[in-house]
């Protein structure tokens, strides 16, 4: 069973291995930006973790564990490992959906 960690509208899902493909590294450590407030979900120390896109997946990887910070939420600690980042979505009765704005 995968371990899950949540910070507001962002879910970190533990994965056993990183998907294959070209990595687009986010050197600033930003996991997500709030569309309504502009507040960032971000890695506390970019020297201890890597944030990157592989295809449509966003991954956070850290060999020793890290903290994720946000202005409106308490920090959360992720243990060592690899995590897929999932944005919460809102679905309507008409079949459309959108990313929840933090």
Protein backbone atom coordinates (compact mmCIF):
# COMPACT_ATOMS: atom_id res chain seq x y z
CA UNK A 1 0.00 0.00 0.00
CA UNK A 2 1.44 3.39 -1.04
CA UNK A 3 1.90 5.98 1.68
CA UNK A 4 0.11 9.28 1.13
CA UNK A 5 0.92 12.74 2.47
CA UNK A 6 -1.28 15.83 1.98
CA UNK A 7 -0.64 19.54 2.22
CA UNK A 8 -3.77 21.50 1.33
CA UNK A 9 -4.75 20.68 -2.26
CA UNK A 10 -1.51 18.76 -2.97
CA UNK A 11 -1.16 15.01 -2.43
CA UNK A 12 2.23 13.29 -2.33
CA UNK A 13 1.90 9.62 -3.26
CA UNK A 14 4.88 7.39 -2.51
CA UNK A 15 6.06 5.47 -5.60
CA UNK A 16 8.52 2.60 -5.78
CA UNK A 17 10.38 3.93 -8.81
CA UNK A 18 10.56 7.04 -10.94
CA UNK A 19 8.84 6.80 -14.35
CA UNK A 20 11.15 6.51 -17.35
CA UNK A 21 11.61 9.42 -19.68
CA UNK A 22 13.34 12.75 -20.00
CA UNK A 23 13.50 14.75 -16.76
CA UNK A 24 12.69 18.43 -16.74
CA UNK A 25 14.20 19.54 -13.41
CA UNK A 26 12.59 22.41 -11.48
CA UNK A 27 15.68 23.97 -9.90
CA UNK A 28 13.61 26.35 -7.74
CA UNK A 29 11.99 23.42 -5.86
CA UNK A 30 8.44 24.61 -6.56
CA UNK A 31 5.94 21.78 -6.46
CA UNK A 32 2.82 23.89 -7.15
CA UNK A 33 1.75 27.51 -7.24
CA UNK A 34 -1.62 28.57 -5.85
CA UNK A 35 -3.67 30.08 -8.67
CA UNK A 36 -5.79 32.21 -6.33
CA UNK A 37 -3.14 33.40 -3.86
CA UNK A 38 0.19 32.82 -5.59
CA UNK A 39 1.49 30.97 -2.53
CA UNK A 40 3.92 28.18 -3.33
CA UNK A 41 4.16 24.57 -2.23
CA UNK A 42 7.93 24.15 -2.29
CA UNK A 43 10.83 22.04 -1.09
CA UNK A 44 12.52 23.66 1.90
CA UNK A 45 16.08 22.86 0.78
CA UNK A 46 16.70 22.17 -2.93
CA UNK A 47 20.09 20.64 -2.07
CA UNK A 48 18.29 17.74 -0.34
CA UNK A 49 15.66 16.97 -2.97
CA UNK A 50 14.89 17.09 -6.66
CA UNK A 51 11.60 18.22 -8.20
CA UNK A 52 11.10 17.26 -11.83
CA UNK A 53 8.58 16.51 -14.55
CA UNK A 54 8.68 13.19 -16.40
CA UNK A 55 6.09 13.37 -19.15
CA UNK A 56 2.82 14.34 -17.44
CA UNK A 57 4.03 13.26 -13.97
CA UNK A 58 5.54 15.59 -11.38
CA UNK A 59 7.98 13.85 -9.03
CA UNK A 60 9.69 14.82 -5.78
CA UNK A 61 12.70 12.67 -4.92
CA UNK A 62 14.87 12.83 -1.82
CA UNK A 63 17.45 10.35 -0.52
CA UNK A 64 17.15 11.54 3.10
CA UNK A 65 13.71 13.11 3.45
CA UNK A 66 12.60 16.74 3.18
CA UNK A 67 10.07 19.30 4.32
CA UNK A 68 7.48 20.89 2.05
CA UNK A 69 6.60 24.50 2.90
CA UNK A 70 3.55 26.66 2.15
CA UNK A 71 2.50 30.07 3.53
CA UNK A 72 -1.00 28.94 4.55
CA UNK A 73 -0.35 25.34 5.67
CA UNK A 74 1.86 23.73 8.27
CA UNK A 75 5.06 22.23 6.83
CA UNK A 76 4.96 18.52 6.15
CA UNK A 77 7.87 16.09 6.27
CA UNK A 78 8.30 13.53 3.53
CA UNK A 79 10.56 10.58 4.36
CA UNK A 80 13.34 9.46 2.02
CA UNK A 81 11.93 8.21 -1.27
CA UNK A 82 10.13 9.14 -4.46
CA UNK A 83 6.71 10.79 -4.57
CA UNK A 84 4.27 11.55 -7.35
CA UNK A 85 2.59 14.93 -6.89
CA UNK A 86 -1.18 14.92 -7.45
CA UNK A 87 -3.22 18.15 -7.60
CA UNK A 88 -6.73 17.96 -6.19
CA UNK A 89 -9.39 18.34 -8.85
CA UNK A 90 -13.00 19.49 -8.65
CA UNK A 91 -15.54 17.60 -10.76
CA UNK A 92 -18.96 18.85 -11.83
CA UNK A 93 -22.13 16.93 -12.55
CA UNK A 94 -21.61 17.81 -16.23
CA UNK A 95 -18.37 15.85 -16.48
CA UNK A 96 -15.92 18.74 -16.49
CA UNK A 97 -13.13 19.16 -13.97
CA UNK A 98 -10.57 21.73 -12.92
CA UNK A 99 -7.58 21.95 -10.61
CA UNK A 100 -8.52 23.34 -7.20
CA UNK A 101 -6.97 26.79 -6.66
CA UNK A 102 -5.16 27.03 -3.36
